[in-house]
All heavy atoms as atom14 arrays in JSON, in Angstrom:
{
  "sequence": "GMRIYPALYLKKLRKLCDGYGVKLIADEIATGFGRTGTLFACEQAGI",
  "atom14_mask": [
    [1, 1, 1, 1, 0, 0, 0, 0, 0, 0, 0, 0, 0, 0],
    [1, 1, 1, 1, 1, 1, 1, 1, 0, 0, 0, 0, 0, 0],
    [1, 1, 1, 1, 1, 1, 1, 1, 1, 1, 1, 0, 0, 0],
    [1, 1, 1, 1, 1, 1, 1, 1, 0, 0, 0, 0, 0, 0],
    [1, 1, 1, 1, 1, 1, 1, 1, 1, 1, 1, 1, 0, 0],
    [1, 1, 1, 1, 1, 1, 1, 0, 0, 0, 0, 0, 0, 0],
    [1, 1, 1, 1, 1, 0, 0, 0, 0, 0, 0, 0, 0, 0],
    [1, 1, 1, 1, 1, 1, 1, 1, 0, 0, 0, 0, 0, 0],
    [1, 1, 1, 1, 1, 1, 1, 1, 1, 1, 1, 1, 0, 0],
    [1, 1, 1, 1, 1, 1, 1, 1, 0, 0, 0, 0, 0, 0],
    [1, 1, 1, 1, 1, 1, 1, 1, 1, 0, 0, 0, 0, 0],
    [1, 1, 1, 1, 1, 1, 1, 1, 1, 0, 0, 0, 0, 0],
    [1, 1, 1, 1, 1, 1, 1, 1, 0, 0, 0, 0, 0, 0],
    [1, 1, 1, 1, 1, 1, 1, 1, 1, 1, 1, 0, 0, 0],
    [1, 1, 1, 1, 1, 1, 1, 1, 1, 0, 0, 0, 0, 0],
    [1, 1, 1, 1, 1, 1, 1, 1, 0, 0, 0, 0, 0, 0],
    [1, 1, 1, 1, 1, 1, 0, 0, 0, 0, 0, 0, 0, 0],
    [1, 1, 1, 1, 1, 1, 1, 1, 0, 0, 0, 0, 0, 0],
    [1, 1, 1, 1, 0, 0, 0, 0, 0, 0, 0, 0, 0, 0],
    [1, 1, 1, 1, 1, 1, 1, 1, 1, 1, 1, 1, 0, 0],
    [1, 1, 1, 1, 0, 0, 0, 0, 0, 0, 0, 0, 0, 0],
    [1, 1, 1, 1, 1, 1, 1, 0, 0, 0, 0, 0, 0, 0],
    [1, 1, 1, 1, 1, 1, 1, 1, 1, 0, 0, 0, 0, 0],
    [1, 1, 1, 1, 1, 1, 1, 1, 0, 0, 0, 0, 0, 0],
    [1, 1, 1, 1, 1, 1, 1, 1, 0, 0, 0, 0, 0, 0],
    [1, 1, 1, 1, 1, 0, 0, 0, 0, 0, 0, 0, 0, 0],
    [1, 1, 1, 1, 1, 1, 1, 1, 0, 0, 0, 0, 0, 0],
    [1, 1, 1, 1, 1, 1, 1, 1, 1, 0, 0, 0, 0, 0],
    [1, 1, 1, 1, 1, 1, 1, 1, 0, 0, 0, 0, 0, 0],
    [1, 1, 1, 1, 1, 0, 0, 0, 0, 0, 0, 0, 0, 0],
    [1, 1, 1, 1, 1, 1, 1, 0, 0, 0, 0, 0, 0, 0],
    [1, 1, 1, 1, 0, 0, 0, 0, 0, 0, 0, 0, 0, 0],
    [1, 1, 1, 1, 1, 1, 1, 1, 1, 1, 1, 0, 0, 0],
    [1, 1, 1, 1, 0, 0, 0, 0, 0, 0, 0, 0, 0, 0],
    [1, 1, 1, 1, 1, 1, 1, 1, 1, 1, 1, 0, 0, 0],
    [1, 1, 1, 1, 1, 1, 1, 0, 0, 0, 0, 0, 0, 0],
    [1, 1, 1, 1, 0, 0, 0, 0, 0, 0, 0, 0, 0, 0],
    [1, 1, 1, 1, 1, 1, 1, 0, 0, 0, 0, 0, 0, 0],
    [1, 1, 1, 1, 1, 1, 1, 1, 0, 0, 0, 0, 0, 0],
    [1, 1, 1, 1, 1, 1, 1, 1, 1, 1, 1, 0, 0, 0],
    [1, 1, 1, 1, 1, 0, 0, 0, 0, 0, 0, 0, 0, 0],
    [1, 1, 1, 1, 1, 1, 0, 0, 0, 0, 0, 0, 0, 0],
    [1, 1, 1, 1, 1, 1, 1, 1, 1, 0, 0, 0, 0, 0],
    [1, 1, 1, 1, 1, 1, 1, 1, 1, 0, 0, 0, 0, 0],
    [1, 1, 1, 1, 1, 0, 0, 0, 0, 0, 0, 0, 0, 0],
    [1, 1, 1, 1, 0, 0, 0, 0, 0, 0, 0, 0, 0, 0],
    [1, 1, 1, 1, 1, 1, 1, 1, 0, 0, 0, 0, 0, 0]
  ],
  "atom14_positions": [
    [[50.36, 114.99, 70.66], [50.79, 116.33, 71.07], [50.27, 117.39, 70.12], [50.92, 118.39, 69.9], [0.0, 0.0, 0.0], [0.0, 0.0, 0.0], [0.0, 0.0, 0.0], [0.0, 0.0, 0.0], [0.0, 0.0, 0.0], [0.0, 0.0, 0.0], [0.0, 0.0, 0.0], [0.0, 0.0, 0.0], [0.0, 0.0, 0.0], [0.0, 0.0, 0.0]],
    [[49.08, 117.15, 69.62], [48.46, 118.08, 68.65], [49.41, 118.37, 67.5], [49.69, 119.54, 67.14], [48.04, 119.37, 69.35], [47.0, 119.2, 70.44], [45.46, 118.5, 69.79], [44.52, 118.28, 71.29], [0.0, 0.0, 0.0], [0.0, 0.0, 0.0], [0.0, 0.0, 0.0], [0.0, 0.0, 0.0], [0.0, 0.0, 0.0], [0.0, 0.0, 0.0]],
    [[49.96, 117.31, 66.9], [50.85, 117.46, 65.75], [50.02, 117.73, 64.51], [49.13, 116.92, 64.16], [51.7, 116.19, 65.57], [52.82, 116.13, 66.6], [53.58, 114.84, 66.6], [53.99, 114.34, 65.31], [54.98, 113.44, 65.15], [55.65, 112.99, 66.17], [55.28, 113.0, 63.95], [0.0, 0.0, 0.0], [0.0, 0.0, 0.0], [0.0, 0.0, 0.0]],
    [[50.31, 118.82, 63.83], [49.52, 119.25, 62.68], [50.36, 119.05, 61.41], [51.55, 119.42, 61.4], [49.16, 120.74, 62.84], [48.3, 120.94, 64.11], [48.37, 121.24, 61.63], [48.24, 122.37, 64.59], [0.0, 0.0, 0.0], [0.0, 0.0, 0.0], [0.0, 0.0, 0.0], [0.0, 0.0, 0.0], [0.0, 0.0, 0.0], [0.0, 0.0, 0.0]],
    [[49.76, 118.51, 60.37], [50.47, 118.32, 59.11], [49.68, 118.9, 57.95], [48.47, 119.1, 58.06], [50.86, 116.86, 58.9], [49.71, 115.88, 58.8], [49.15, 115.56, 57.57], [49.19, 115.25, 59.91], [48.11, 114.64, 57.44], [48.17, 114.31, 59.81], [47.63, 114.03, 58.58], [46.6, 113.1, 58.45], [0.0, 0.0, 0.0], [0.0, 0.0, 0.0]],
    [[50.33, 119.15, 56.8], [49.67, 119.83, 55.68], [48.56, 119.01, 55.03], [48.61, 117.77, 54.98], [50.81, 120.09, 54.68], [52.07, 119.94, 55.47], [51.75, 118.93, 56.55], [0.0, 0.0, 0.0], [0.0, 0.0, 0.0], [0.0, 0.0, 0.0], [0.0, 0.0, 0.0], [0.0, 0.0, 0.0], [0.0, 0.0, 0.0], [0.0, 0.0, 0.0]],
    [[47.57, 119.71, 54.5], [46.5, 119.05, 53.76], [47.02, 118.33, 52.56], [46.44, 117.32, 52.11], [45.43, 120.07, 53.38], [0.0, 0.0, 0.0], [0.0, 0.0, 0.0], [0.0, 0.0, 0.0], [0.0, 0.0, 0.0], [0.0, 0.0, 0.0], [0.0, 0.0, 0.0], [0.0, 0.0, 0.0], [0.0, 0.0, 0.0], [0.0, 0.0, 0.0]],
    [[48.14, 118.8, 51.99], [48.71, 118.17, 50.8], [49.07, 116.73, 51.09], [48.92, 115.86, 50.2], [49.95, 118.94, 50.34], [50.69, 118.39, 49.12], [49.78, 118.35, 47.9], [51.96, 119.18, 48.86], [0.0, 0.0, 0.0], [0.0, 0.0, 0.0], [0.0, 0.0, 0.0], [0.0, 0.0, 0.0], [0.0, 0.0, 0.0], [0.0, 0.0, 0.0]],
    [[49.53, 116.43, 52.28], [49.87, 115.05, 52.63], [48.65, 114.15, 52.49], [48.72, 113.04, 51.96], [50.45, 115.0, 54.06], [51.04, 113.67, 54.44], [52.4, 113.42, 54.35], [50.22, 112.61, 54.88], [52.96, 112.19, 54.7], [50.77, 111.38, 55.22], [52.12, 111.18, 55.12], [52.66, 109.95, 55.47], [0.0, 0.0, 0.0], [0.0, 0.0, 0.0]],
    [[47.53, 114.63, 53.0], [46.29, 113.86, 52.95], [45.84, 113.67, 51.51], [45.35, 112.6, 51.12], [45.23, 114.58, 53.78], [44.01, 113.77, 54.22], [44.42, 112.57, 55.03], [43.07, 114.67, 55.03], [0.0, 0.0, 0.0], [0.0, 0.0, 0.0], [0.0, 0.0, 0.0], [0.0, 0.0, 0.0], [0.0, 0.0, 0.0], [0.0, 0.0, 0.0]],
    [[45.99, 114.71, 50.7], [45.62, 114.61, 49.27], [46.47, 113.58, 48.55], [45.97, 112.77, 47.76], [45.8, 116.01, 48.62], [45.2, 116.14, 47.23], [45.48, 117.51, 46.67], [44.73, 118.59, 47.38], [43.3, 118.62, 47.02], [0.0, 0.0, 0.0], [0.0, 0.0, 0.0], [0.0, 0.0, 0.0], [0.0, 0.0, 0.0], [0.0, 0.0, 0.0]],
    [[47.78, 113.6, 48.83], [48.67, 112.62, 48.24], [48.32, 111.19, 48.68], [48.41, 110.22, 47.91], [50.13, 112.94, 48.62], [50.74, 114.11, 47.89], [52.13, 114.41, 48.47], [52.89, 115.47, 47.69], [53.48, 114.95, 46.44], [0.0, 0.0, 0.0], [0.0, 0.0, 0.0], [0.0, 0.0, 0.0], [0.0, 0.0, 0.0], [0.0, 0.0, 0.0]],
    [[47.93, 111.07, 49.94], [47.61, 109.75, 50.49], [46.36, 109.17, 49.83], [46.3, 107.96, 49.55], [47.41, 109.87, 52.0], [47.26, 108.54, 52.75], [48.49, 107.65, 52.55], [47.05, 108.8, 54.24], [0.0, 0.0, 0.0], [0.0, 0.0, 0.0], [0.0, 0.0, 0.0], [0.0, 0.0, 0.0], [0.0, 0.0, 0.0], [0.0, 0.0, 0.0]],
    [[45.39, 110.02, 49.58], [44.18, 109.56, 48.88], [44.54, 108.99, 47.5], [44.08, 107.91, 47.1], [43.2, 110.73, 48.73], [41.95, 110.47, 47.88], [40.94, 109.55, 48.52], [41.23, 108.13, 48.33], [40.47, 107.13, 48.78], [39.36, 107.42, 49.44], [40.81, 105.89, 48.59], [0.0, 0.0, 0.0], [0.0, 0.0, 0.0], [0.0, 0.0, 0.0]],
    [[45.4, 109.68, 46.79], [45.82, 109.25, 45.43], [46.61, 107.96, 45.52], [46.44, 107.04, 44.7], [46.63, 110.34, 44.79], [47.01, 110.03, 43.35], [47.73, 111.22, 42.7], [48.09, 110.93, 41.26], [48.8, 112.09, 40.62], [0.0, 0.0, 0.0], [0.0, 0.0, 0.0], [0.0, 0.0, 0.0], [0.0, 0.0, 0.0], [0.0, 0.0, 0.0]],
    [[47.47, 107.84, 46.55], [48.3, 106.63, 46.7], [47.42, 105.44, 47.02], [47.61, 104.34, 46.44], [49.31, 106.86, 47.83], [50.4, 105.78, 47.99], [51.3, 105.7, 46.75], [51.23, 106.08, 49.23], [0.0, 0.0, 0.0], [0.0, 0.0, 0.0], [0.0, 0.0, 0.0], [0.0, 0.0, 0.0], [0.0, 0.0, 0.0], [0.0, 0.0, 0.0]],
    [[46.44, 105.59, 47.88], [45.53, 104.5, 48.24], [44.76, 104.06, 46.98], [44.58, 102.85, 46.73], [44.57, 104.93, 49.32], [45.3, 105.02, 50.97], [0.0, 0.0, 0.0], [0.0, 0.0, 0.0], [0.0, 0.0, 0.0], [0.0, 0.0, 0.0], [0.0, 0.0, 0.0], [0.0, 0.0, 0.0], [0.0, 0.0, 0.0], [0.0, 0.0, 0.0]],
    [[44.3, 105.02, 46.19], [43.59, 104.68, 44.97], [44.45, 103.84, 44.02], [43.99, 102.89, 43.39], [43.12, 105.94, 44.25], [41.96, 106.63, 44.98], [41.27, 105.96, 45.77], [41.75, 107.83, 44.74], [0.0, 0.0, 0.0], [0.0, 0.0, 0.0], [0.0, 0.0, 0.0], [0.0, 0.0, 0.0], [0.0, 0.0, 0.0], [0.0, 0.0, 0.0]],
    [[45.72, 104.25, 43.91], [46.63, 103.57, 43.0], [46.87, 102.11, 43.37], [47.11, 101.29, 42.49], [0.0, 0.0, 0.0], [0.0, 0.0, 0.0], [0.0, 0.0, 0.0], [0.0, 0.0, 0.0], [0.0, 0.0, 0.0], [0.0, 0.0, 0.0], [0.0, 0.0, 0.0], [0.0, 0.0, 0.0], [0.0, 0.0, 0.0], [0.0, 0.0, 0.0]],
    [[46.81, 101.81, 44.66], [47.09, 100.44, 45.13], [45.84, 99.66, 45.49], [45.93, 98.5, 45.92], [48.03, 100.5, 46.31], [49.49, 100.67, 45.95], [50.05, 101.96, 45.79], [50.33, 99.58, 45.74], [51.37, 102.15, 45.47], [51.67, 99.76, 45.4], [52.16, 101.03, 45.28], [53.49, 101.21, 44.93], [0.0, 0.0, 0.0], [0.0, 0.0, 0.0]],
    [[44.67, 100.28, 45.37], [43.44, 99.59, 45.75], [43.28, 99.42, 47.23], [42.6, 98.49, 47.7], [0.0, 0.0, 0.0], [0.0, 0.0, 0.0], [0.0, 0.0, 0.0], [0.0, 0.0, 0.0], [0.0, 0.0, 0.0], [0.0, 0.0, 0.0], [0.0, 0.0, 0.0], [0.0, 0.0, 0.0], [0.0, 0.0, 0.0], [0.0, 0.0, 0.0]],
    [[43.9, 100.32, 48.01], [43.84, 100.26, 49.47], [42.77, 101.25, 49.95], [42.7, 102.38, 49.48], [45.21, 100.63, 50.08], [45.15, 100.74, 51.59], [46.27, 99.6, 49.65], [0.0, 0.0, 0.0], [0.0, 0.0, 0.0], [0.0, 0.0, 0.0], [0.0, 0.0, 0.0], [0.0, 0.0, 0.0], [0.0, 0.0, 0.0], [0.0, 0.0, 0.0]],
    [[41.91, 100.82, 50.87], [40.89, 101.71, 51.4], [41.5, 102.72, 52.38], [42.46, 102.39, 53.1], [39.79, 100.88, 52.1], [39.03, 99.97, 51.18], [38.4, 100.71, 50.02], [37.64, 99.77, 49.08], [37.15, 100.48, 47.88], [0.0, 0.0, 0.0], [0.0, 0.0, 0.0], [0.0, 0.0, 0.0], [0.0, 0.0, 0.0], [0.0, 0.0, 0.0]],
    [[40.95, 103.91, 52.39], [41.43, 104.98, 53.28], [40.39, 105.23, 54.36], [39.23, 105.56, 54.05], [41.7, 106.26, 52.5], [42.14, 107.48, 53.31], [43.43, 107.19, 54.05], [42.28, 108.7, 52.41], [0.0, 0.0, 0.0], [0.0, 0.0, 0.0], [0.0, 0.0, 0.0], [0.0, 0.0, 0.0], [0.0, 0.0, 0.0], [0.0, 0.0, 0.0]],
    [[40.78, 105.04, 55.62], [39.91, 105.3, 56.76], [40.33, 106.63, 57.39], [41.48, 106.79, 57.8], [40.0, 104.21, 57.81], [39.66, 102.83, 57.19], [39.1, 104.49, 58.99], [40.0, 101.66, 58.1], [0.0, 0.0, 0.0], [0.0, 0.0, 0.0], [0.0, 0.0, 0.0], [0.0, 0.0, 0.0], [0.0, 0.0, 0.0], [0.0, 0.0, 0.0]],
    [[39.41, 107.59, 57.46], [39.66, 108.85, 58.13], [39.07, 108.8, 59.53], [37.85, 108.73, 59.69], [39.08, 110.02, 57.31], [0.0, 0.0, 0.0], [0.0, 0.0, 0.0], [0.0, 0.0, 0.0], [0.0, 0.0, 0.0], [0.0, 0.0, 0.0], [0.0, 0.0, 0.0], [0.0, 0.0, 0.0], [0.0, 0.0, 0.0], [0.0, 0.0, 0.0]],
    [[39.9, 108.85, 60.52], [39.45, 108.87, 61.91], [39.22, 110.33, 62.31], [40.11, 111.03, 62.71], [40.52, 108.22, 62.79], [40.15, 108.27, 64.27], [39.13, 108.91, 64.63], [40.89, 107.7, 65.09], [0.0, 0.0, 0.0], [0.0, 0.0, 0.0], [0.0, 0.0, 0.0], [0.0, 0.0, 0.0], [0.0, 0.0, 0.0], [0.0, 0.0, 0.0]],
    [[37.97, 110.78, 62.14], [37.62, 112.16, 62.44], [36.93, 112.29, 63.82], [36.2, 113.21, 64.07], [36.69, 112.72, 61.36], [37.35, 112.92, 60.0], [37.5, 114.38, 59.62], [37.39, 115.27, 60.49], [37.74, 114.65, 58.42], [0.0, 0.0, 0.0], [0.0, 0.0, 0.0], [0.0, 0.0, 0.0], [0.0, 0.0, 0.0], [0.0, 0.0, 0.0]],
    [[37.23, 111.32, 64.67], [36.61, 111.33, 66.0], [36.97, 112.61, 66.75], [36.13, 113.24, 67.37], [37.03, 110.07, 66.77], [36.37, 108.83, 66.14], [36.67, 110.2, 68.25], [36.98, 107.52, 66.56], [0.0, 0.0, 0.0], [0.0, 0.0, 0.0], [0.0, 0.0, 0.0], [0.0, 0.0, 0.0], [0.0, 0.0, 0.0], [0.0, 0.0, 0.0]],
    [[38.25, 112.99, 66.7], [38.69, 114.2, 67.39], [38.64, 115.44, 66.52], [38.57, 116.56, 67.04], [40.1, 113.99, 67.94], [0.0, 0.0, 0.0], [0.0, 0.0, 0.0], [0.0, 0.0, 0.0], [0.0, 0.0, 0.0], [0.0, 0.0, 0.0], [0.0, 0.0, 0.0], [0.0, 0.0, 0.0], [0.0, 0.0, 0.0], [0.0, 0.0, 0.0]],
    [[38.71, 115.27, 65.22], [38.79, 116.42, 64.3], [37.45, 116.88, 63.75], [37.36, 117.97, 63.18], [39.72, 116.1, 63.14], [39.24, 114.95, 62.43], [41.14, 115.81, 63.62], [0.0, 0.0, 0.0], [0.0, 0.0, 0.0], [0.0, 0.0, 0.0], [0.0, 0.0, 0.0], [0.0, 0.0, 0.0], [0.0, 0.0, 0.0], [0.0, 0.0, 0.0]],
    [[36.43, 116.04, 63.9], [35.14, 116.37, 63.29], [34.36, 117.45, 63.99], [34.69, 117.86, 65.1], [0.0, 0.0, 0.0], [0.0, 0.0, 0.0], [0.0, 0.0, 0.0], [0.0, 0.0, 0.0], [0.0, 0.0, 0.0], [0.0, 0.0, 0.0], [0.0, 0.0, 0.0], [0.0, 0.0, 0.0], [0.0, 0.0, 0.0], [0.0, 0.0, 0.0]],
    [[33.34, 117.95, 63.29], [32.41, 118.92, 63.8], [33.06, 120.27, 64.21], [32.75, 120.83, 65.25], [31.57, 118.3, 64.96], [30.78, 117.16, 64.49], [31.25, 115.85, 64.64], [29.57, 117.34, 63.83], [30.53, 114.77, 64.16], [28.85, 116.26, 63.34], [29.33, 114.96, 63.52], [0.0, 0.0, 0.0], [0.0, 0.0, 0.0], [0.0, 0.0, 0.0]],
    [[33.96, 120.7, 63.34], [34.49, 122.07, 63.46], [35.74, 122.25, 64.22], [36.25, 123.38, 64.32], [0.0, 0.0, 0.0], [0.0, 0.0, 0.0], [0.0, 0.0, 0.0], [0.0, 0.0, 0.0], [0.0, 0.0, 0.0], [0.0, 0.0, 0.0], [0.0, 0.0, 0.0], [0.0, 0.0, 0.0], [0.0, 0.0, 0.0], [0.0, 0.0, 0.0]],
    [[36.3, 121.19, 64.79], [37.5, 121.36, 65.6], [38.69, 121.93, 64.82], [39.51, 122.65, 65.4], [37.91, 120.01, 66.22], [37.0, 119.53, 67.34], [37.0, 120.46, 68.51], [36.25, 119.93, 69.65], [36.01, 120.61, 70.77], [36.43, 121.88, 70.86], [35.32, 120.11, 71.73], [0.0, 0.0, 0.0], [0.0, 0.0, 0.0], [0.0, 0.0, 0.0]],
    [[38.8, 121.62, 63.53], [39.93, 122.09, 62.75], [39.59, 123.34, 61.93], [40.39, 123.77, 61.09], [40.47, 121.01, 61.81], [39.47, 120.69, 60.84], [40.84, 119.74, 62.57], [0.0, 0.0, 0.0], [0.0, 0.0, 0.0], [0.0, 0.0, 0.0], [0.0, 0.0, 0.0], [0.0, 0.0, 0.0], [0.0, 0.0, 0.0], [0.0, 0.0, 0.0]],
    [[38.41, 123.91, 62.14], [38.01, 125.1, 61.4], [37.01, 124.85, 60.31], [36.29, 125.74, 59.89], [0.0, 0.0, 0.0], [0.0, 0.0, 0.0], [0.0, 0.0, 0.0], [0.0, 0.0, 0.0], [0.0, 0.0, 0.0], [0.0, 0.0, 0.0], [0.0, 0.0, 0.0], [0.0, 0.0, 0.0], [0.0, 0.0, 0.0], [0.0, 0.0, 0.0]],
    [[36.95, 123.61, 59.83], [35.91, 123.19, 58.88], [35.14, 122.07, 59.57], [35.59, 121.47, 60.54], [36.51, 122.69, 57.56], [37.55, 121.71, 57.85], [37.1, 123.81, 56.76], [0.0, 0.0, 0.0], [0.0, 0.0, 0.0], [0.0, 0.0, 0.0], [0.0, 0.0, 0.0], [0.0, 0.0, 0.0], [0.0, 0.0, 0.0], [0.0, 0.0, 0.0]],
    [[33.94, 121.76, 59.04], [33.12, 120.77, 59.72], [33.88, 119.44, 59.87], [33.84, 118.83, 60.92], [31.79, 120.56, 58.96], [30.72, 119.81, 59.73], [30.33, 120.53, 61.01], [29.5, 119.58, 58.84], [0.0, 0.0, 0.0], [0.0, 0.0, 0.0], [0.0, 0.0, 0.0], [0.0, 0.0, 0.0], [0.0, 0.0, 0.0], [0.0, 0.0, 0.0]],
    [[34.58, 119.04, 58.81], [35.43, 117.86, 58.85], [36.8, 118.22, 58.28], [36.89, 118.99, 57.33], [34.8, 116.7, 58.07], [33.44, 116.35, 58.55], [32.31, 116.64, 57.8], [33.25, 115.72, 59.78], [31.04, 116.32, 58.26], [31.99, 115.4, 60.24], [30.88, 115.71, 59.49], [0.0, 0.0, 0.0], [0.0, 0.0, 0.0], [0.0, 0.0, 0.0]],
    [[37.85, 117.69, 58.87], [39.2, 117.99, 58.44], [39.46, 117.6, 56.98], [40.2, 118.27, 56.27], [40.23, 117.29, 59.35], [0.0, 0.0, 0.0], [0.0, 0.0, 0.0], [0.0, 0.0, 0.0], [0.0, 0.0, 0.0], [0.0, 0.0, 0.0], [0.0, 0.0, 0.0], [0.0, 0.0, 0.0], [0.0, 0.0, 0.0], [0.0, 0.0, 0.0]],
    [[38.83, 116.51, 56.54], [39.01, 116.05, 55.16], [38.65, 117.13, 54.13], [39.19, 117.13, 53.01], [38.21, 114.79, 54.91], [38.9, 113.3, 55.64], [0.0, 0.0, 0.0], [0.0, 0.0, 0.0], [0.0, 0.0, 0.0], [0.0, 0.0, 0.0], [0.0, 0.0, 0.0], [0.0, 0.0, 0.0], [0.0, 0.0, 0.0], [0.0, 0.0, 0.0]],
    [[37.74, 118.01, 54.47], [37.34, 119.09, 53.57], [38.53, 119.93, 53.14], [38.58, 120.43, 52.01], [36.3, 119.99, 54.23], [34.97, 119.33, 54.54], [34.04, 120.28, 55.31], [34.05, 121.49, 54.99], [33.35, 119.82, 56.23], [0.0, 0.0, 0.0], [0.0, 0.0, 0.0], [0.0, 0.0, 0.0], [0.0, 0.0, 0.0], [0.0, 0.0, 0.0]],
    [[39.49, 120.16, 54.04], [40.61, 121.03, 53.74], [41.55, 120.42, 52.73], [42.35, 121.15, 52.11], [41.34, 121.36, 55.05], [40.47, 122.13, 56.03], [41.17, 122.5, 57.32], [42.31, 122.91, 57.3], [40.47, 122.36, 58.44], [0.0, 0.0, 0.0], [0.0, 0.0, 0.0], [0.0, 0.0, 0.0], [0.0, 0.0, 0.0], [0.0, 0.0, 0.0]],
    [[41.48, 119.11, 52.56], [42.28, 118.45, 51.51], [41.45, 118.14, 50.29], [41.98, 117.67, 49.26], [42.87, 117.15, 52.07], [0.0, 0.0, 0.0], [0.0, 0.0, 0.0], [0.0, 0.0, 0.0], [0.0, 0.0, 0.0], [0.0, 0.0, 0.0], [0.0, 0.0, 0.0], [0.0, 0.0, 0.0], [0.0, 0.0, 0.0], [0.0, 0.0, 0.0]],
    [[40.14, 118.39, 50.36], [39.28, 118.13, 49.22], [39.18, 116.64, 48.87], [39.01, 116.31, 47.7], [0.0, 0.0, 0.0], [0.0, 0.0, 0.0], [0.0, 0.0, 0.0], [0.0, 0.0, 0.0], [0.0, 0.0, 0.0], [0.0, 0.0, 0.0], [0.0, 0.0, 0.0], [0.0, 0.0, 0.0], [0.0, 0.0, 0.0], [0.0, 0.0, 0.0]],
    [[39.23, 115.79, 49.88], [39.18, 114.36, 49.61], [37.99, 113.7, 50.32], [37.46, 114.22, 51.29], [40.48, 113.65, 50.04], [40.67, 113.74, 51.57], [41.68, 114.24, 49.33], [40.71, 112.43, 52.27], [0.0, 0.0, 0.0], [0.0, 0.0, 0.0], [0.0, 0.0, 0.0], [0.0, 0.0, 0.0], [0.0, 0.0, 0.0], [0.0, 0.0, 0.0]]
  ]
}
């Protein structure tokens, strides 16, 4: 339902994955190529 959440959540998640040695997969199929205002949504979290 086009649920939008803060970039801070994504930033925290990157750090949490690093701490546990878990890989982070970003599914940018729907968000990529400018849909969220930047070329990729991950840019807005700096991760």
